[in-house]
């Protein structure tokens, strides 16, 4: 999606014309900062973000399957546990 106006999504500001990432069903839980805790559906695991400021220890929980992932910053990879 392209931002039509200045918006904030998942803790990032996007100017008009910038591409806004599609996270599918995943949303960061309240209180998340650089270490984010996401919840969503397993079909959208491939849409989990890999932002430059996303820190190691971020997590993602798939509410439909119980899968749990942890993020490692240096490899920009989500690992299933």
Protein backbone atom coordinates (compact mmCIF):
# COMPACT_ATOMS: atom_id res chain seq x y z
CA UNK A 1 0.00 0.00 0.00
CA UNK A 2 1.20 3.52 -0.76
CA UNK A 3 0.60 6.15 1.94
CA UNK A 4 -1.82 8.87 0.81
CA UNK A 5 -0.90 11.13 3.73
CA UNK A 6 1.38 11.06 6.77
CA UNK A 7 0.55 7.91 8.76
CA UNK A 8 2.03 5.80 11.53
CA UNK A 9 1.95 2.03 11.29
CA UNK A 10 3.68 -0.46 13.56
CA UNK A 11 5.69 2.32 15.18
CA UNK A 12 7.00 3.78 11.92
CA UNK A 13 6.04 7.04 10.21
CA UNK A 14 5.36 6.99 6.47
CA UNK A 15 5.27 10.07 4.26
CA UNK A 16 2.83 10.42 1.36
CA UNK A 17 4.02 8.25 -1.52
CA UNK A 18 6.04 5.85 0.64
CA UNK A 19 5.36 2.12 0.59
CA UNK A 20 3.66 0.91 3.78
CA UNK A 21 4.44 -2.75 4.56
CA UNK A 22 1.63 -5.30 4.52
CA UNK A 23 1.77 -7.25 7.78
CA UNK A 24 -1.35 -9.23 6.97
CA UNK A 25 -3.08 -10.22 10.20
CA UNK A 26 -0.05 -9.54 12.42
CA UNK A 27 -0.25 -6.68 14.90
CA UNK A 28 2.19 -5.61 17.59
CA UNK A 29 0.82 -5.94 21.09
CA UNK A 30 0.51 -2.78 23.21
CA UNK A 31 3.70 -1.73 24.95
CA UNK A 32 5.95 -3.01 22.15
CA UNK A 33 8.87 -0.79 21.18
CA UNK A 34 12.05 -1.98 19.44
CA UNK A 35 11.42 -5.47 20.83
CA UNK A 36 7.97 -6.16 19.45
CA UNK A 37 5.54 -8.93 20.27
CA UNK A 38 3.24 -9.78 17.38
CA UNK A 39 0.13 -11.93 17.15
CA UNK A 40 -1.56 -13.06 13.96
CA UNK A 41 -2.41 -15.97 11.70
CA UNK A 42 0.03 -18.59 10.41
CA UNK A 43 -0.85 -17.80 6.78
CA UNK A 44 0.84 -14.40 7.24
CA UNK A 45 4.17 -15.54 8.76
CA UNK A 46 5.95 -14.50 5.56
CA UNK A 47 4.74 -10.93 6.14
CA UNK A 48 6.45 -10.53 9.52
CA UNK A 49 8.61 -7.38 9.40
CA UNK A 50 12.39 -7.24 9.24
CA UNK A 51 12.88 -3.57 10.05
CA UNK A 52 16.39 -2.24 10.63
CA UNK A 53 15.34 -1.13 14.13
CA UNK A 54 13.61 -4.40 15.08
CA UNK A 55 15.61 -5.96 17.88
CA UNK A 56 16.63 -9.51 18.69
CA UNK A 57 14.10 -11.06 21.04
CA UNK A 58 11.05 -9.82 19.20
CA UNK A 59 8.43 -12.56 18.98
CA UNK A 60 5.45 -13.65 16.94
CA UNK A 61 2.68 -15.99 18.03
CA UNK A 62 0.28 -17.62 15.55
CA UNK A 63 -3.04 -17.75 17.30
CA UNK A 64 -4.48 -20.38 14.93
CA UNK A 65 -1.67 -22.96 15.15
CA UNK A 66 0.29 -22.12 18.30
CA UNK A 67 3.51 -21.60 16.32
CA UNK A 68 5.97 -19.29 18.05
CA UNK A 69 8.80 -17.37 16.37
CA UNK A 70 11.72 -15.31 17.68
CA UNK A 71 13.58 -12.67 15.67
CA UNK A 72 17.37 -12.40 15.41
CA UNK A 73 18.56 -8.98 14.25
CA UNK A 74 21.98 -9.77 12.73
CA UNK A 75 20.48 -12.30 10.31
CA UNK A 76 17.11 -10.49 9.95
CA UNK A 77 15.46 -13.89 10.37
CA UNK A 78 12.38 -15.15 12.21
CA UNK A 79 13.11 -18.57 13.74
CA UNK A 80 10.38 -20.98 14.70
CA UNK A 81 10.83 -22.46 18.16
